[in-house]
Structure formats: C-alpha cells, structure tokens
Protein backbone atom coordinates (compact mmCIF):
# COMPACT_ATOMS: atom_id res chain seq x y z
CA MET A 1 128.75 121.67 94.73
CA LYS A 2 127.65 118.94 92.20
CA ILE A 3 124.19 117.72 92.96
CA LEU A 4 122.79 114.49 91.22
CA ILE A 5 119.11 114.07 91.50
CA THR A 6 116.80 111.51 89.83
CA GLY A 7 113.38 112.18 88.60
CA THR A 8 113.55 115.93 88.01
CA THR A 9 110.86 116.52 85.48
CA GLN A 10 108.22 117.13 87.96
CA GLY A 11 106.87 117.23 91.33
CA ILE A 12 109.39 116.80 94.33
CA GLY A 13 112.41 116.21 91.87
CA ARG A 14 111.89 119.34 89.85
CA ALA A 15 111.25 121.56 92.96
CA THR A 16 114.50 120.12 94.62
CA ALA A 17 116.58 120.76 91.44
CA GLU A 18 115.18 124.29 91.27
CA ARG A 19 115.96 124.78 94.95
CA PHE A 20 119.67 123.70 94.36
CA LEU A 21 119.93 125.85 91.46
CA SER A 22 118.72 128.86 93.27
CA GLU A 23 121.45 128.54 95.84
CA GLY A 24 124.21 128.34 93.22
CA HIS A 25 124.91 124.57 92.84
CA THR A 26 125.51 122.48 89.69
CA VAL A 27 122.60 120.07 89.10
CA ILE A 28 122.61 116.90 87.16
CA GLY A 29 119.08 115.43 86.40
CA ILE A 30 118.18 111.84 85.32
CA ASP A 31 114.62 111.29 84.31
CA ARG A 32 112.81 109.15 81.60
CA GLN A 33 111.06 112.23 80.60
CA PRO A 34 112.55 115.07 78.58
CA PRO A 35 113.85 118.07 80.49
CA SER A 36 111.51 120.55 82.03
CA ILE A 37 114.29 122.84 83.43
CA THR A 38 116.07 125.23 81.50
CA HIS A 39 119.34 126.57 83.29
CA ASP A 40 123.06 127.15 82.46
CA ARG A 41 124.00 125.00 85.45
CA TYR A 42 121.46 122.11 84.78
CA THR A 43 122.37 119.10 82.85
CA HIS A 44 119.65 116.49 81.81
CA TYR A 45 119.98 112.96 80.87
CA THR A 46 116.94 111.31 79.56
CA CYS A 47 117.16 107.82 80.85
CA ASP A 48 115.09 105.33 82.78
CA VAL A 49 116.82 104.63 86.09
CA ARG A 50 116.43 100.90 85.61
CA ALA A 51 118.44 101.03 82.33
CA TYR A 52 121.76 100.64 84.04
CA ASP A 53 123.90 100.26 80.85
CA GLU A 54 122.34 103.67 79.60
CA LEU A 55 123.13 105.72 82.90
CA PRO A 56 125.50 108.70 82.36
CA ASP A 57 129.22 108.71 83.42
CA VAL A 58 129.21 111.24 86.36
CA CYS A 59 132.07 111.51 88.76
CA ASP A 60 132.70 113.16 91.82
CA VAL A 61 129.16 113.82 93.05
CA ASP A 62 128.85 115.74 96.13
CA VAL A 63 125.19 115.16 96.85
CA LEU A 64 122.97 112.34 95.70
CA ILE A 65 119.25 112.66 95.87
CA ASN A 66 117.40 109.53 95.05
CA ASN A 67 113.97 111.03 93.98
CA ALA A 68 112.87 108.85 91.05
CA GLY A 69 109.77 106.76 92.00
CA THR A 70 106.65 105.16 90.77
CA GLN A 71 103.45 103.87 92.48
CA ASN A 72 101.74 100.56 91.44
CA GLU A 73 104.08 100.05 88.42
CA ALA A 74 107.17 98.06 88.99
CA ASP A 75 107.68 99.53 92.39
CA ILE A 76 110.49 97.30 93.69
CA ASP A 77 112.50 97.67 90.47
CA VAL A 78 112.29 101.36 90.41
CA ASN A 79 111.77 102.51 94.07
CA LEU A 80 114.31 100.05 95.61
CA LYS A 81 116.45 98.04 93.06
CA ALA A 82 117.41 101.18 90.95
CA LEU A 83 117.78 103.38 93.99
CA ILE A 84 120.43 100.94 95.29
CA HIS A 85 122.28 100.77 91.87
CA ILE A 86 122.36 104.58 91.58
CA THR A 87 123.61 104.89 95.27
CA GLU A 88 126.29 102.37 94.67
CA ARG A 89 127.33 103.88 91.32
CA TYR A 90 127.41 107.41 92.22
CA GLY A 91 127.26 107.92 96.07
CA VAL A 92 129.45 105.52 97.76
CA GLN A 93 132.61 107.22 96.91
CA PRO A 94 135.25 109.38 98.70
CA HIS A 95 134.02 112.67 97.14
CA ILE A 96 130.41 112.36 98.51
CA ARG A 97 129.04 114.76 101.21
CA ALA A 98 125.49 113.68 101.57
CA ILE A 99 123.02 111.03 100.17
CA LEU A 100 119.29 111.58 100.40
CA HIS A 101 116.72 108.82 99.58
CA ILE A 102 113.01 110.11 98.99
CA GLY A 103 111.04 107.53 100.87
CA SER A 104 107.42 107.64 102.08
CA ALA A 105 105.55 107.66 105.29
CA SER A 106 103.95 104.64 103.99
CA ALA A 107 107.26 102.88 104.95
CA HIS A 108 106.46 103.47 108.50
CA THR A 109 102.64 102.71 108.61
CA GLY A 110 102.28 100.07 105.77
CA ALA A 111 99.11 101.96 104.80
CA GLU A 112 99.33 101.80 101.08
CA PHE A 113 99.67 99.41 98.16
CA PRO A 114 101.65 96.25 99.14
CA GLU A 115 104.69 96.41 96.63
CA TYR A 116 104.71 100.25 97.11
CA CYS A 117 104.92 99.85 101.01
CA ALA A 118 107.77 97.09 100.55
CA SER A 119 109.67 99.12 98.23
CA LYS A 120 109.68 102.17 100.51
CA GLY A 121 110.34 99.95 103.67
CA GLY A 122 113.38 98.60 102.06
CA ILE A 123 114.87 102.06 101.78
CA LEU A 124 114.64 102.38 105.53
CA ALA A 125 117.19 99.45 106.13
CA TYR A 126 119.38 100.46 103.08
CA THR A 127 119.55 104.03 104.43
CA LYS A 128 121.25 102.76 107.62
CA ASN A 129 123.41 100.52 105.58
CA VAL A 130 124.59 103.20 103.38
CA ALA A 131 125.16 105.64 106.26
CA MET A 132 127.53 103.25 107.97
CA ARG A 133 129.63 102.91 104.67
CA VAL A 134 129.91 106.75 103.84
CA ALA A 135 130.65 107.57 107.40
CA PRO A 136 134.43 107.25 106.82
CA TYR A 137 134.34 109.96 104.01
CA GLY A 138 132.58 112.21 106.64
CA ALA A 139 129.26 111.98 104.63
CA THR A 140 125.75 111.65 105.71
CA CYS A 141 122.91 109.30 104.37
CA ASN A 142 119.19 109.75 105.38
CA SER A 143 115.80 109.02 103.87
CA LEU A 144 113.14 111.90 103.89
CA ASP A 145 109.76 110.16 104.03
CA PRO A 146 106.82 112.65 103.01
CA GLY A 147 103.20 111.99 103.56
CA GLY A 148 100.72 113.44 100.89
CA VAL A 149 102.41 115.84 98.48
CA LEU A 150 100.62 118.00 95.91
CA THR A 151 102.02 116.25 92.71
CA PRO A 152 100.67 115.01 89.54
CA LEU A 153 101.06 111.42 90.63
CA ASN A 154 98.26 112.08 93.27
CA ALA A 155 95.94 113.92 91.08
CA CYS A 156 93.21 111.20 91.12
CA VAL A 157 92.46 111.73 94.88
CA MET A 158 93.38 115.60 94.94
CA ASN A 159 90.70 116.12 92.09
CA ASP A 160 87.89 113.87 94.06
CA PRO A 161 86.10 116.14 96.46
CA THR A 162 84.78 113.13 98.53
CA LEU A 163 88.11 111.43 98.77
CA TRP A 164 89.87 114.66 99.42
CA ALA A 165 87.64 115.39 102.32
CA ARG A 166 88.20 111.86 103.93
CA ILE A 167 92.16 112.44 103.37
CA MET A 168 91.99 115.82 105.17
CA ASP A 169 90.27 114.24 108.08
CA GLU A 170 93.08 112.06 108.42
CA THR A 171 95.81 114.95 108.25
CA PRO A 172 96.04 116.99 111.42
CA LEU A 173 97.45 120.16 109.59
CA LYS A 174 94.38 119.62 107.05
CA ARG A 175 96.66 119.99 103.98
CA TRP A 176 99.15 118.28 101.97
CA ALA A 177 102.79 119.46 101.46
CA THR A 178 103.95 121.36 98.26
CA PRO A 179 106.82 119.99 96.47
CA GLU A 180 108.79 123.27 97.45
CA GLU A 181 108.38 122.39 101.13
CA ILE A 182 109.79 118.83 100.63
CA ALA A 183 112.55 120.56 98.69
CA GLN A 184 113.56 122.60 101.71
CA TRP A 185 113.97 119.57 103.71
CA ALA A 186 116.08 117.83 101.08
CA TYR A 187 118.15 120.93 101.08
CA PHE A 188 118.48 121.09 104.86
CA LEU A 189 119.24 117.40 105.18
CA THR A 190 122.06 117.40 102.50
CA VAL A 191 123.71 120.73 102.83
CA THR A 192 122.80 122.47 106.11
CA ASN A 193 122.93 119.05 108.18
CA THR A 194 126.27 117.60 108.66
CA PHE A 195 125.68 115.11 111.78
CA CYS A 196 122.23 113.45 111.38
CA THR A 197 122.78 110.40 109.56
CA GLY A 198 121.11 106.89 109.14
CA GLN A 199 117.78 108.31 109.94
CA SER A 200 114.46 108.38 108.29
CA ILE A 201 112.68 111.63 108.65
CA LEU A 202 108.78 111.69 108.40
CA VAL A 203 107.45 114.90 106.90
CA ASP A 204 103.59 114.27 106.82
CA GLY A 205 101.71 116.80 108.28
CA GLY A 206 100.96 114.47 111.23
CA GLU A 207 99.36 111.99 108.79
CA SER A 208 101.09 108.85 110.32
CA ILE A 209 99.63 109.74 113.61
CA ASN A 210 96.41 108.43 112.21
CA TYR A 211 97.76 105.91 109.67
CA HIS A 212 94.51 105.46 107.86
CA PHE A 213 95.18 105.11 104.18
CA VAL A 214 92.46 106.60 101.88
CA TRP A 215 92.65 106.15 97.95
CA LYS A 216 90.27 105.80 94.85
CA ASP A 217 89.03 102.34 94.01
C-alpha cells in the first residue's frame, strides 16, 4: 500500500515509517527537515506542512498518518490547521483505506500548555467529522493519543532527574512509551483494524488516570 506520513525525520514519525517499510509498504514522508531514512521504498519531501503551495502532488494514498506536530510553537497552525489541510488534500478521496491523526493525552485531560491542548483537542472533533465522510469509501479515521513518549522533543524533562521522578510518580506503568511502541499502534489502527472508526485511542501507560501535568519551568 501507499502510505503518506508527515513528520518522519525523528520520533514517532520515523518509527512509524520504518514499521511500514518493514512490512513491505511504500512510504512517502513530508518533513521540514532533510530525510533521516534511506530505503528504496521511501520517498521524502522536505517541506513545512504549513506551506500549502509547496506540498507534493501525491495521488491514490491508501493510508494517511498525520504525525507532524510542534509544542509551544505555532501549535494551532501546525497541529490542527495543517493537519486539516493535509487530510482534506490527501485523505478524503475514494482510494483511501485509513486515516490516523497522532493526537495527545492532553486533548483528554487539558493538562499541558493552553494552545497545545486546544490544538490536540480540536483533533478529537475533526476525527469524528472525517470518519463520517470517509465511511462511504469503507475507510476508517481515528486518532492515536499518546501520553509521554521518549522522543527528542521531551528531552528537557527526560534529562532532569527531579522532574523525571515526579513524572514517573504520575505514570502507573513507571515508564514512557518508545516511538516503536506507538508505531505498533499506528500500524494496527490503519492496517489490521477495519471496523473501529471515529475513535480517539489513549495510549499513555495510565498517565491520564492521574492527569497531573509536570514540566520544566
């Protein structure tokens, strides 16, 4: 299948792209950074997802995964507005099989930066809207909403022993997810799953049970 993933140079996006490649799929990545994956079935476009006029011409996408995101930097523009534009351009079309938005546990708890929470909260409603519109194609649309993930974006708290200890106190499983674990869920929700749609799946190690947000000042 033809898989389009945004934000593929690091973290969840890269792990997800590598998972699909390992399963024999063709992957197209969009990221504002140069490619970090070298594979004969991987095509990379260096482009900011907000640069709508510069987005590549890609047709007949089977699976769209909106992973590109930011934190405390134009959150609404990147995390929500660009996600909507990408989905309307590449996802809502007869060839689509599955659409997945990478959201956040913060969309459910509100326990993070205001604009970030709002951007991810908007994804919850938009996921349901898209699920209704792609259902006639036999396609699904869900959001995958992680809690803490071991990515470079979170290095400032991962490398602070005091904050890390406080965060672990709020996480029942006493660890954060690896990008590869989130990629497993992304693959399941877009390839294995054929019936669950319009849902927002929390994968947070139980973090949202406590919903106390800990971060660096």
